[in-house]
């Protein structure tokens, strides 16, 4: 379960997303397993990912939250045919001292 984001965090991510170009596009295959894996990998590497709907534009209101849920990420915004997802990078535990 993800921790809810605070309003200042959401504003910060929205501001950062303005500078991003879409990394992935929802195409004819929709939210296929391969696409979900691609989004998951992008979130692992970048934490903030912009995705464009080139297909399924009529269903974007339903698909955006579904994609966030399937990738265990926060839906930061959905404007026009673009959505932004955020997932915090996992914190790496320091090795225990011997």
PDB file of N, CA and C in Angstrom:
ATOM      1  N   UNK A   1       0.843  -1.187   0.000  1.00  0.00           N
ATOM      2  CA  UNK A   1       0.000   0.000   0.000  1.00  0.00           C
ATOM      3  C   UNK A   1       0.886   1.248   0.000  1.00  0.00           C
ATOM      4  N   UNK A   2       0.570   2.160  -0.865  1.00  0.00           N
ATOM      5  CA  UNK A   2       1.337   3.398  -0.953  1.00  0.00           C
ATOM      6  C   UNK A   2       0.882   4.392   0.100  1.00  0.00           C
ATOM      7  N   UNK A   3       1.849   5.135   0.614  1.00  0.00           N
ATOM      8  CA  UNK A   3       1.504   6.223   1.518  1.00  0.00           C
ATOM      9  C   UNK A   3       0.872   7.344   0.702  1.00  0.00           C
ATOM     10  N   UNK A   4      -0.180   7.964   1.223  1.00  0.00           N
ATOM     11  CA  UNK A   4      -0.786   9.077   0.490  1.00  0.00           C
ATOM     12  C   UNK A   4       0.203  10.247   0.383  1.00  0.00           C
ATOM     13  N   UNK A   5       0.128  10.949  -0.725  1.00  0.00           N
ATOM     14  CA  UNK A   5       0.997  12.108  -0.928  1.00  0.00           C
ATOM     15  C   UNK A   5       0.367  13.346  -0.297  1.00  0.00           C
ATOM     16  N   UNK A   6       1.206  14.235   0.183  1.00  0.00           N
ATOM     17  CA  UNK A   6       0.720  15.499   0.718  1.00  0.00           C
ATOM     18  C   UNK A   6       0.490  16.463  -0.446  1.00  0.00           C
ATOM     19  N   UNK A   7      -0.293  17.504  -0.220  1.00  0.00           N
ATOM     20  CA  UNK A   7      -0.531  18.496  -1.271  1.00  0.00           C
ATOM     21  C   UNK A   7       0.758  19.149  -1.764  1.00  0.00           C
ATOM     22  N   UNK A   8       1.698  19.519  -0.875  1.00  0.00           N
ATOM     23  CA  UNK A   8       2.959  20.084  -1.380  1.00  0.00           C
ATOM     24  C   UNK A   8       3.740  19.104  -2.258  1.00  0.00           C
ATOM     25  N   UNK A   9       3.696  17.813  -1.910  1.00  0.00           N
ATOM     26  CA  UNK A   9       4.379  16.812  -2.739  1.00  0.00           C
ATOM     27  C   UNK A   9       3.728  16.730  -4.118  1.00  0.00           C
ATOM     28  N   UNK A  10       2.406  16.719  -4.147  1.00  0.00           N
ATOM     29  CA  UNK A  10       1.687  16.637  -5.427  1.00  0.00           C
ATOM     30  C   UNK A  10       2.016  17.853  -6.288  1.00  0.00           C
ATOM     31  N   UNK A  11       2.032  19.046  -5.690  1.00  0.00           N
ATOM     32  CA  UNK A  11       2.384  20.256  -6.446  1.00  0.00           C
ATOM     33  C   UNK A  11       3.804  20.170  -6.991  1.00  0.00           C
ATOM     34  N   UNK A  12       4.715  19.648  -6.189  1.00  0.00           N
ATOM     35  CA  UNK A  12       6.108  19.508  -6.620  1.00  0.00           C
ATOM     36  C   UNK A  12       6.207  18.549  -7.809  1.00  0.00           C
ATOM     37  N   UNK A  13       5.495  17.427  -7.750  1.00  0.00           N
ATOM     38  CA  UNK A  13       5.534  16.460  -8.856  1.00  0.00           C
ATOM     39  C   UNK A  13       4.876  17.027 -10.120  1.00  0.00           C
ATOM     40  N   UNK A  14       3.788  17.783  -9.950  1.00  0.00           N
ATOM     41  CA  UNK A  14       3.138  18.403 -11.111  1.00  0.00           C
ATOM     42  C   UNK A  14       4.087  19.385 -11.782  1.00  0.00           C
ATOM     43  N   UNK A  15       4.810  20.168 -10.979  1.00  0.00           N
ATOM     44  CA  UNK A  15       5.771  21.138 -11.532  1.00  0.00           C
ATOM     45  C   UNK A  15       6.891  20.408 -12.268  1.00  0.00           C
ATOM     46  N   UNK A  16       7.396  19.335 -11.681  1.00  0.00           N
ATOM     47  CA  UNK A  16       8.473  18.568 -12.325  1.00  0.00           C
ATOM     48  C   UNK A  16       7.980  17.914 -13.612  1.00  0.00           C
ATOM     49  N   UNK A  17       6.719  17.487 -13.629  1.00  0.00           N
ATOM     50  CA  UNK A  17       6.167  16.813 -14.807  1.00  0.00           C
ATOM     51  C   UNK A  17       6.043  17.759 -15.997  1.00  0.00           C
ATOM     52  N   UNK A  18       5.929  19.065 -15.744  1.00  0.00           N
ATOM     53  CA  UNK A  18       5.830  20.034 -16.836  1.00  0.00           C
ATOM     54  C   UNK A  18       7.052  19.964 -17.749  1.00  0.00           C
ATOM     55  N   UNK A  19       8.202  19.617 -17.176  1.00  0.00           N
ATOM     56  CA  UNK A  19       9.446  19.586 -17.938  1.00  0.00           C
ATOM     57  C   UNK A  19       9.650  18.274 -18.690  1.00  0.00           C
ATOM     58  N   UNK A  20       8.850  17.258 -18.375  1.00  0.00           N
ATOM     59  CA  UNK A  20       9.039  15.937 -18.968  1.00  0.00           C
ATOM     60  C   UNK A  20       8.372  15.818 -20.336  1.00  0.00           C
ATOM     61  N   UNK A  21       8.981  15.013 -21.175  1.00  0.00           N
ATOM     62  CA  UNK A  21       8.346  14.579 -22.418  1.00  0.00           C
ATOM     63  C   UNK A  21       7.717  13.214 -22.144  1.00  0.00           C
ATOM     64  N   UNK A  22       6.633  12.849 -22.832  1.00  0.00           N
ATOM     65  CA  UNK A  22       6.047  11.520 -22.617  1.00  0.00           C
ATOM     66  C   UNK A  22       7.063  10.420 -22.935  1.00  0.00           C
ATOM     67  N   UNK A  23       7.224   9.485 -22.007  1.00  0.00           N
ATOM     68  CA  UNK A  23       8.150   8.374 -22.196  1.00  0.00           C
ATOM     69  C   UNK A  23       7.497   7.214 -22.920  1.00  0.00           C
ATOM     70  N   UNK A  24       6.206   7.030 -22.664  1.00  0.00           N
ATOM     71  CA  UNK A  24       5.480   5.889 -23.218  1.00  0.00           C
ATOM     72  C   UNK A  24       4.159   6.373 -23.809  1.00  0.00           C
ATOM     73  N   UNK A  25       3.632   5.568 -24.723  1.00  0.00           N
ATOM     74  CA  UNK A  25       2.339   5.889 -25.330  1.00  0.00           C
ATOM     75  C   UNK A  25       1.432   4.674 -25.228  1.00  0.00           C
ATOM     76  N   UNK A  26       0.182   4.925 -24.831  1.00  0.00           N
ATOM     77  CA  UNK A  26      -0.829   3.874 -24.828  1.00  0.00           C
ATOM     78  C   UNK A  26      -1.284   3.728 -26.274  1.00  0.00           C
ATOM     79  N   UNK A  27      -0.974   2.594 -26.866  1.00  0.00           N
ATOM     80  CA  UNK A  27      -1.294   2.371 -28.276  1.00  0.00           C
ATOM     81  C   UNK A  27      -2.459   1.423 -28.459  1.00  0.00           C
ATOM     82  N   UNK A  28      -2.491   0.766 -29.614  1.00  0.00           N
ATOM     83  CA  UNK A  28      -3.617  -0.099 -29.977  1.00  0.00           C
ATOM     84  C   UNK A  28      -3.791  -1.287 -29.048  1.00  0.00           C
ATOM     85  N   UNK A  29      -2.700  -1.727 -28.411  1.00  0.00           N
ATOM     86  CA  UNK A  29      -2.797  -2.875 -27.500  1.00  0.00           C
ATOM     87  C   UNK A  29      -3.382  -2.492 -26.151  1.00  0.00           C
ATOM     88  N   UNK A  30      -3.503  -1.201 -25.879  1.00  0.00           N
ATOM     89  CA  UNK A  30      -4.081  -0.742 -24.614  1.00  0.00           C
ATOM     90  C   UNK A  30      -3.172  -1.062 -23.441  1.00  0.00           C
ATOM     91  N   UNK A  31      -3.778  -1.428 -22.329  1.00  0.00           N
ATOM     92  CA  UNK A  31      -3.006  -1.750 -21.126  1.00  0.00           C
ATOM     93  C   UNK A  31      -2.646  -3.232 -21.118  1.00  0.00           C
ATOM     94  N   UNK A  32      -1.864  -3.636 -22.106  1.00  0.00           N
ATOM     95  CA  UNK A  32      -1.436  -5.029 -22.200  1.00  0.00           C
ATOM     96  C   UNK A  32      -0.420  -5.334 -21.111  1.00  0.00           C
ATOM     97  N   UNK A  33      -0.165  -6.619 -20.889  1.00  0.00           N
ATOM     98  CA  UNK A  33       0.830  -7.018 -19.883  1.00  0.00           C
ATOM     99  C   UNK A  33       2.197  -6.418 -20.209  1.00  0.00           C
ATOM    100  N   UNK A  34       2.556  -6.417 -21.481  1.00  0.00           N
ATOM    101  CA  UNK A  34       3.844  -5.854 -21.890  1.00  0.00           C
ATOM    102  C   UNK A  34       3.933  -4.363 -21.610  1.00  0.00           C
ATOM    103  N   UNK A  35       2.849  -3.642 -21.862  1.00  0.00           N
ATOM    104  CA  UNK A  35       2.842  -2.201 -21.607  1.00  0.00           C
ATOM    105  C   UNK A  35       2.944  -1.931 -20.109  1.00  0.00           C
ATOM    106  N   UNK A  36       2.215  -2.696 -19.318  1.00  0.00           N
ATOM    107  CA  UNK A  36       2.265  -2.517 -17.861  1.00  0.00           C
ATOM    108  C   UNK A  36       3.675  -2.794 -17.352  1.00  0.00           C
ATOM    109  N   UNK A  37       4.339  -3.816 -17.891  1.00  0.00           N
ATOM    110  CA  UNK A  37       5.733  -4.106 -17.507  1.00  0.00           C
ATOM    111  C   UNK A  37       6.640  -2.947 -17.885  1.00  0.00           C
ATOM    112  N   UNK A  38       6.421  -2.360 -19.067  1.00  0.00           N
ATOM    113  CA  UNK A  38       7.230  -1.213 -19.504  1.00  0.00           C
ATOM    114  C   UNK A  38       7.054  -0.028 -18.562  1.00  0.00           C
ATOM    115  N   UNK A  39       5.824   0.246 -18.166  1.00  0.00           N
ATOM    116  CA  UNK A  39       5.550   1.343 -17.241  1.00  0.00           C
ATOM    117  C   UNK A  39       6.203   1.051 -15.891  1.00  0.00           C
ATOM    118  N   UNK A  40       6.102  -0.192 -15.444  1.00  0.00           N
ATOM    119  CA  UNK A  40       6.701  -0.596 -14.173  1.00  0.00           C
ATOM    120  C   UNK A  40       8.213  -0.388 -14.192  1.00  0.00           C
ATOM    121  N   UNK A  41       8.856  -0.781 -15.292  1.00  0.00           N
ATOM    122  CA  UNK A  41      10.310  -0.593 -15.417  1.00  0.00           C
ATOM    123  C   UNK A  41      10.661   0.889 -15.456  1.00  0.00           C
ATOM    124  N   UNK A  42       9.892   1.687 -16.179  1.00  0.00           N
ATOM    125  CA  UNK A  42      10.150   3.129 -16.263  1.00  0.00           C
ATOM    126  C   UNK A  42      10.016   3.775 -14.885  1.00  0.00           C
ATOM    127  N   UNK A  43       9.014   3.353 -14.119  1.00  0.00           N
ATOM    128  CA  UNK A  43       8.837   3.901 -12.768  1.00  0.00           C
ATOM    129  C   UNK A  43       9.980   3.495 -11.848  1.00  0.00           C
ATOM    130  N   UNK A  44      10.511   2.302 -12.043  1.00  0.00           N
ATOM    131  CA  UNK A  44      11.639   1.842 -11.235  1.00  0.00           C
ATOM    132  C   UNK A  44      12.875   2.690 -11.491  1.00  0.00           C
ATOM    133  N   UNK A  45      13.033   3.131 -12.743  1.00  0.00           N
ATOM    134  CA  UNK A  45      14.215   3.897 -13.110  1.00  0.00           C
ATOM    135  C   UNK A  45      14.046   5.392 -12.874  1.00  0.00           C
ATOM    136  N   UNK A  46      12.846   5.926 -13.068  1.00  0.00           N
ATOM    137  CA  UNK A  46      12.669   7.379 -13.087  1.00  0.00           C
ATOM    138  C   UNK A  46      11.787   7.950 -11.982  1.00  0.00           C
ATOM    139  N   UNK A  47      10.972   7.156 -11.351  1.00  0.00           N
ATOM    140  CA  UNK A  47      10.056   7.579 -10.283  1.00  0.00           C
ATOM    141  C   UNK A  47       8.899   8.458 -10.782  1.00  0.00           C
ATOM    142  N   UNK A  48       9.121   9.316 -11.772  1.00  0.00           N
ATOM    143  CA  UNK A  48       8.068  10.169 -12.328  1.00  0.00           C
ATOM    144  C   UNK A  48       8.017   9.923 -13.838  1.00  0.00           C
ATOM    145  N   UNK A  49       6.871   9.454 -14.317  1.00  0.00           N
ATOM    146  CA  UNK A  49       6.754   9.036 -15.718  1.00  0.00           C
ATOM    147  C   UNK A  49       5.526   9.692 -16.347  1.00  0.00           C
ATOM    148  N   UNK A  50       5.734  10.289 -17.524  1.00  0.00           N
ATOM    149  CA  UNK A  50       4.633  10.890 -18.286  1.00  0.00           C
ATOM    150  C   UNK A  50       4.259   9.930 -19.410  1.00  0.00           C
ATOM    151  N   UNK A  51       2.958   9.678 -19.544  1.00  0.00           N
ATOM    152  CA  UNK A  51       2.440   8.726 -20.531  1.00  0.00           C
ATOM    153  C   UNK A  51       1.374   9.424 -21.360  1.00  0.00           C
ATOM    154  N   UNK A  52       1.433   9.219 -22.674  1.00  0.00           N
ATOM    155  CA  UNK A  52       0.471   9.847 -23.584  1.00  0.00           C
ATOM    156  C   UNK A  52      -0.490   8.791 -24.123  1.00  0.00           C
ATOM    157  N   UNK A  53      -1.744   9.163 -24.233  1.00  0.00           N
ATOM    158  CA  UNK A  53      -2.751   8.296 -24.845  1.00  0.00           C
ATOM    159  C   UNK A  53      -2.814   8.620 -26.328  1.00  0.00           C
ATOM    160  N   UNK A  54      -2.242   7.751 -27.169  1.00  0.00           N
ATOM    161  CA  UNK A  54      -2.387   7.955 -28.612  1.00  0.00           C
ATOM    162  C   UNK A  54      -3.593   7.168 -29.126  1.00  0.00           C
ATOM    163  N   UNK A  55      -4.020   6.175 -28.372  1.00  0.00           N
ATOM    164  CA  UNK A  55      -5.247   5.410 -28.636  1.00  0.00           C
ATOM    165  C   UNK A  55      -6.042   5.384 -27.328  1.00  0.00           C
ATOM    166  N   UNK A  56      -7.255   4.880 -27.375  1.00  0.00           N
ATOM    167  CA  UNK A  56      -8.109   4.749 -26.185  1.00  0.00           C
ATOM    168  C   UNK A  56      -8.340   6.095 -25.491  1.00  0.00           C
ATOM    169  N   UNK A  57      -8.393   7.168 -26.262  1.00  0.00           N
ATOM    170  CA  UNK A  57      -8.570   8.495 -25.678  1.00  0.00           C
ATOM    171  C   UNK A  57      -9.916   8.635 -24.972  1.00  0.00           C
ATOM    172  N   UNK A  58     -10.939   7.927 -25.458  1.00  0.00           N
ATOM    173  CA  UNK A  58     -12.258   8.015 -24.833  1.00  0.00           C
ATOM    174  C   UNK A  58     -12.275   7.330 -23.473  1.00  0.00           C
ATOM    175  N   UNK A  59     -11.399   6.335 -23.270  1.00  0.00           N
ATOM    176  CA  UNK A  59     -11.390   5.573 -22.014  1.00  0.00           C
ATOM    177  C   UNK A  59     -10.313   6.032 -21.030  1.00  0.00           C
ATOM    178  N   UNK A  60      -9.650   7.139 -21.315  1.00  0.00           N
ATOM    179  CA  UNK A  60      -8.505   7.543 -20.474  1.00  0.00           C
ATOM    180  C   UNK A  60      -8.890   7.794 -19.016  1.00  0.00           C
ATOM    181  N   UNK A  61     -10.117   8.273 -18.772  1.00  0.00           N
ATOM    182  CA  UNK A  61     -10.541   8.528 -17.388  1.00  0.00           C
ATOM    183  C   UNK A  61     -10.597   7.231 -16.580  1.00  0.00           C
ATOM    184  N   UNK A  62     -10.945   6.127 -17.219  1.00  0.00           N
ATOM    185  CA  UNK A  62     -11.002   4.835 -16.542  1.00  0.00           C
ATOM    186  C   UNK A  62      -9.636   4.150 -16.533  1.00  0.00           C
ATOM    187  N   UNK A  63      -8.901   4.282 -17.630  1.00  0.00           N
ATOM    188  CA  UNK A  63      -7.627   3.565 -17.760  1.00  0.00           C
ATOM    189  C   UNK A  63      -6.519   4.149 -16.889  1.00  0.00           C
ATOM    190  N   UNK A  64      -6.490   5.468 -16.706  1.00  0.00           N
ATOM    191  CA  UNK A  64      -5.405   6.096 -15.926  1.00  0.00           C
ATOM    192  C   UNK A  64      -5.352   5.557 -14.495  1.00  0.00           C
ATOM    193  N   UNK A  65      -6.477   5.539 -13.744  1.00  0.00           N
ATOM    194  CA  UNK A  65      -6.402   4.982 -12.386  1.00  0.00           C
ATOM    195  C   UNK A  65      -6.101   3.484 -12.373  1.00  0.00           C
ATOM    196  N   UNK A  66      -6.581   2.766 -13.394  1.00  0.00           N
ATOM    197  CA  UNK A  66      -6.284   1.330 -13.476  1.00  0.00           C
ATOM    198  C   UNK A  66      -4.788   1.094 -13.626  1.00  0.00           C
ATOM    199  N   UNK A  67      -4.157   1.885 -14.480  1.00  0.00           N
ATOM    200  CA  UNK A  67      -2.714   1.739 -14.701  1.00  0.00           C
ATOM    201  C   UNK A  67      -1.945   2.087 -13.425  1.00  0.00           C
ATOM    202  N   UNK A  68      -2.373   3.114 -12.718  1.00  0.00           N
ATOM    203  CA  UNK A  68      -1.722   3.483 -11.454  1.00  0.00           C
ATOM    204  C   UNK A  68      -1.835   2.334 -10.456  1.00  0.00           C
ATOM    205  N   UNK A  69      -3.013   1.730 -10.392  1.00  0.00           N
ATOM    206  CA  UNK A  69      -3.218   0.624  -9.457  1.00  0.00           C
ATOM    207  C   UNK A  69      -2.370  -0.586  -9.838  1.00  0.00           C
ATOM    208  N   UNK A  70      -2.328  -0.925 -11.114  1.00  0.00           N
ATOM    209  CA  UNK A  70      -1.573  -2.104 -11.564  1.00  0.00           C
ATOM    210  C   UNK A  70      -0.067  -1.937 -11.418  1.00  0.00           C
ATOM    211  N   UNK A  71       0.415  -0.696 -11.382  1.00  0.00           N
ATOM    212  CA  UNK A  71       1.853  -0.456 -11.244  1.00  0.00           C
ATOM    213  C   UNK A  71       2.207   0.022  -9.834  1.00  0.00           C
ATOM    214  N   UNK A  72       1.251  -0.011  -8.913  1.00  0.00           N
ATOM    215  CA  UNK A  72       1.456   0.423  -7.522  1.00  0.00           C
ATOM    216  C   UNK A  72       2.072   1.821  -7.484  1.00  0.00           C
ATOM    217  N   UNK A  73       1.444   2.740  -8.213  1.00  0.00           N
ATOM    218  CA  UNK A  73       1.960   4.108  -8.284  1.00  0.00           C
ATOM    219  C   UNK A  73       0.831   5.101  -8.030  1.00  0.00           C
ATOM    220  N   UNK A  74       1.214   6.364  -7.834  1.00  0.00           N
ATOM    221  CA  UNK A  74       0.251   7.444  -7.648  1.00  0.00           C
ATOM    222  C   UNK A  74      -0.049   8.087  -8.992  1.00  0.00           C
ATOM    223  N   UNK A  75      -1.318   8.345  -9.267  1.00  0.00           N
ATOM    224  CA  UNK A  75      -1.714   9.134 -10.429  1.00  0.00           C
ATOM    225  C   UNK A  75      -1.611  10.597 -10.012  1.00  0.00           C
ATOM    226  N   UNK A  76      -0.598  11.281 -10.527  1.00  0.00           N
ATOM    227  CA  UNK A  76      -0.351  12.674 -10.147  1.00  0.00           C
ATOM    228  C   UNK A  76      -1.303  13.601 -10.885  1.00  0.00           C
ATOM    229  N   UNK A  77      -1.436  13.401 -12.200  1.00  0.00           N
ATOM    230  CA  UNK A  77      -2.367  14.217 -12.964  1.00  0.00           C
ATOM    231  C   UNK A  77      -2.737  13.537 -14.264  1.00  0.00           C
ATOM    232  N   UNK A  78      -3.895  13.943 -14.764  1.00  0.00           N
ATOM    233  CA  UNK A  78      -4.351  13.512 -16.084  1.00  0.00           C
ATOM    234  C   UNK A  78      -4.939  14.743 -16.728  1.00  0.00           C
ATOM    235  N   UNK A  79      -4.250  15.253 -17.732  1.00  0.00           N
ATOM    236  CA  UNK A  79      -4.679  16.462 -18.439  1.00  0.00           C
ATOM    237  C   UNK A  79      -4.688  16.152 -19.924  1.00  0.00           C
ATOM    238  N   UNK A  80      -5.786  16.411 -20.575  1.00  0.00           N
ATOM    239  CA  UNK A  80      -5.868  16.119 -22.002  1.00  0.00           C
ATOM    240  C   UNK A  80      -5.617  14.643 -22.238  1.00  0.00           C
ATOM    241  N   UNK A  81      -4.683  14.346 -23.117  1.00  0.00           N
ATOM    242  CA  UNK A  81      -4.347  12.955 -23.428  1.00  0.00           C
ATOM    243  C   UNK A  81      -3.058  12.512 -22.750  1.00  0.00           C
ATOM    244  N   UNK A  82      -2.702  13.153 -21.651  1.00  0.00           N
ATOM    245  CA  UNK A  82      -1.452  12.860 -20.954  1.00  0.00           C
ATOM    246  C   UNK A  82      -1.745  12.554 -19.491  1.00  0.00           C
ATOM    247  N   UNK A  83      -1.017  11.591 -18.949  1.00  0.00           N
ATOM    248  CA  UNK A  83      -1.099  11.292 -17.522  1.00  0.00           C
ATOM    249  C   UNK A  83       0.305  11.190 -16.958  1.00  0.00           C
ATOM    250  N   UNK A  84       0.438  11.463 -15.664  1.00  0.00           N
ATOM    251  CA  UNK A  84       1.734  11.376 -14.995  1.00  0.00           C
ATOM    252  C   UNK A  84       1.579  10.466 -13.787  1.00  0.00           C
ATOM    253  N   UNK A  85       2.486   9.496 -13.692  1.00  0.00           N
ATOM    254  CA  UNK A  85       2.510   8.572 -12.567  1.00  0.00           C
ATOM    255  C   UNK A  85       3.774   8.791 -11.750  1.00  0.00           C
ATOM    256  N   UNK A  86       3.663   8.541 -10.455  1.00  0.00           N
ATOM    257  CA  UNK A  86       4.827   8.628  -9.566  1.00  0.00           C
ATOM    258  C   UNK A  86       4.836   7.411  -8.653  1.00  0.00           C
ATOM    259  N   UNK A  87       6.019   6.850  -8.499  1.00  0.00           N
ATOM    260  CA  UNK A  87       6.212   5.790  -7.510  1.00  0.00           C
ATOM    261  C   UNK A  87       7.549   6.049  -6.837  1.00  0.00           C
ATOM    262  N   UNK A  88       7.549   6.154  -5.506  1.00  0.00           N
ATOM    263  CA  UNK A  88       8.825   6.405  -4.835  1.00  0.00           C
ATOM    264  C   UNK A  88       9.787   5.256  -5.079  1.00  0.00           C
ATOM    265  N   UNK A  89      11.049   5.610  -5.228  1.00  0.00           N
ATOM    266  CA  UNK A  89      12.057   4.572  -5.405  1.00  0.00           C
ATOM    267  C   UNK A  89      12.211   3.832  -4.081  1.00  0.00           C
ATOM    268  N   UNK A  90      12.369   2.504  -4.142  1.00  0.00           N
ATOM    269  CA  UNK A  90      12.514   1.767  -2.884  1.00  0.00           C
ATOM    270  C   UNK A  90      13.796   2.174  -2.173  1.00  0.00           C
ATOM    271  N   UNK A  91      13.686   2.366  -0.868  1.00  0.00           N
ATOM    272  CA  UNK A  91      14.874   2.738  -0.120  1.00  0.00           C
ATOM    273  C   UNK A  91      15.724   1.495   0.098  1.00  0.00           C
ATOM    274  N   UNK A  92      17.017   1.657  -0.110  1.00  0.00           N
ATOM    275  CA  UNK A  92      17.943   0.545   0.025  1.00  0.00           C
ATOM    276  C   UNK A  92      18.447   0.545   1.456  1.00  0.00           C
ATOM    277  N   UNK A  93      18.233  -0.567   2.136  1.00  0.00           N
ATOM    278  CA  UNK A  93      18.675  -0.653   3.528  1.00  0.00           C
ATOM    279  C   UNK A  93      20.200  -0.797   3.586  1.00  0.00           C
ATOM    280  N   UNK A  94      20.791  -0.098   4.517  1.00  0.00           N
ATOM    281  CA  UNK A  94      22.245  -0.180   4.693  1.00  0.00           C
ATOM    282  C   UNK A  94      22.581  -1.541   5.287  1.00  0.00           C
ATOM    283  N   UNK A  95      23.692  -2.139   4.843  1.00  0.00           N
ATOM    284  CA  UNK A  95      24.060  -3.440   5.402  1.00  0.00           C
ATOM    285  C   UNK A  95      24.373  -3.309   6.887  1.00  0.00           C
ATOM    286  N   UNK A  96      23.997  -4.318   7.645  1.00  0.00           N
ATOM    287  CA  UNK A  96      24.211  -4.297   9.089  1.00  0.00           C
ATOM    288  C   UNK A  96      25.695  -4.400   9.399  1.00  0.00           C
ATOM    289  N   UNK A  97      26.126  -3.637  10.393  1.00  0.00           N
ATOM    290  CA  UNK A  97      27.543  -3.688  10.808  1.00  0.00           C
ATOM    291  C   UNK A  97      27.807  -4.976  11.555  1.00  0.00           C
ATOM    292  N   UNK A  98      28.964  -5.545  11.310  1.00  0.00           N
ATOM    293  CA  UNK A  98      29.289  -6.833  11.939  1.00  0.00           C
ATOM    294  C   UNK A  98      29.836  -6.648  13.333  1.00  0.00           C
TER     295      UNK A  98
END
